[in-house]
Amino acid sequence: MSSTAMRFEKLLEAVPDALVGMDQKGVIRFVNRQTEMLFGYQRDQLIGERIDNLVPQTLWQIYAQHQQEYFADPRTRSSGLDVELSGRHHSGAEFLINVSMSHIDTGDVLLVITAVDDVTRREDAVRNAGLLEAIVKNSDDAIISCTLKGTITSWNPTAERMYGYTSEEIIGRAASLLTPEERADETKDAFAKIGAGQHVEHLETSRLRKDGTAVPVSITMAPIRGEGGAVVGVSETARDVTEQRKAFVAAQRMAAIVENCQDAIVGRDLDGIITSWNPAAEHMYGYTSKEIVGKRIDLFVPEDQAGEAATILDRIKAGKRVDSLETQRVRKDGTVVLVSLTVSPIRDARGELVGSSVIHRDVT
């Protein structure tokens, strides 16, 4: 074999598509390794056979229609015929393929064959990779990855904002740079779990910023697996929970105030159903929270005050307050207590009205 032929053969083997050369009568002259893999034949089983063994008669009909234009002018190098057909595997199974035909210098026809499923998978992989990249780039959470030894390999924009390091500064450095000394064992244990193929979810901890300050975070870690399924790295998602911590502390403080207040504080929804009931309310009206929560406020409103209660509810639905309204309420034992009511709207995080809070002061 000449050196030119050897170089040509190596070039054919390097092409990722199946390449089939056939003469003008449709007899296969050469194939590359990808053709063997795609169709399930050995090379010796194909050379000298007709192309019909690989591609049904439809291709030959198309070729016959275009044969004259392919070979009428030896200077013509047409490669514009690109059709979707069925290929026939050595096992007899058929599958969709894309076929491009072109005239080459030897006078033969070169077929470039690609399985449609392979094309679809590659296109899907590209699309999915692009989608994943967009998700990571635009996530509100810091998303980083690192090797099992703790070397950082990726770093999204939120991680830059949260920790203060640019990707150029941090990639290639140890993730321990972000871990406070007192949390080192915690991180070591988490990496051991990941190495064993486990997940770490919602780990409440802290990390260090570039300026040395600590940020409270909730971390979820997952294994990154290689093609063989072995764990090769760690994906970490970190959420800054500073505001949630502040909100939690504020809620605890408010709960303590309500719990220890000497006034009865009652929460209710817009339908007049009681949703909360503090100890002072238990003491004032005689109902425990178990007995009263879920019941209507009508339970301790005197019958002759029903219209007043409806008016209060209408004002709350209009987003208005009711201040220091002196009225009467009925205790569990049937006795009446004179009270001063202050009613305030309750809104959710989006500012929508969801209920009201009523402070009852005994003014007997």
Foldseek 3Di string as FASTA:
>chain_A
DDPVVVVVLVVQQPDQWWKWKDALVQATQFTYPNVCVVQVDDGVVRHRHGCCQWFPPVVVVVCVVCVCVQPVDLVDWDFPDWDWGWTAHPVRDIAIKIWTWTQDNVNIIMITIDGVVVVVVVVVVVVVVVVVVVCQQPPCWWKWKDWLVAATADTHPNNCVVQVDDCVRRHRDGPCQFPDPVCVVVVVVQSVCQQVQHKDFQDFDWTAHPVGDIFTWGKIKGFDADPVRHGTIIMMIIDGCPVVVVVVVVVVVVVVCQQPPLWWKWWDWLVQATADTHPNNCVVAVDDCVRRHRDGQVVWADPVCVVVVVVCSVCVQVQHKDFQDWDWTAHPVGDIFIWTKTKGFDADPVRHTTTIMITTDGPD
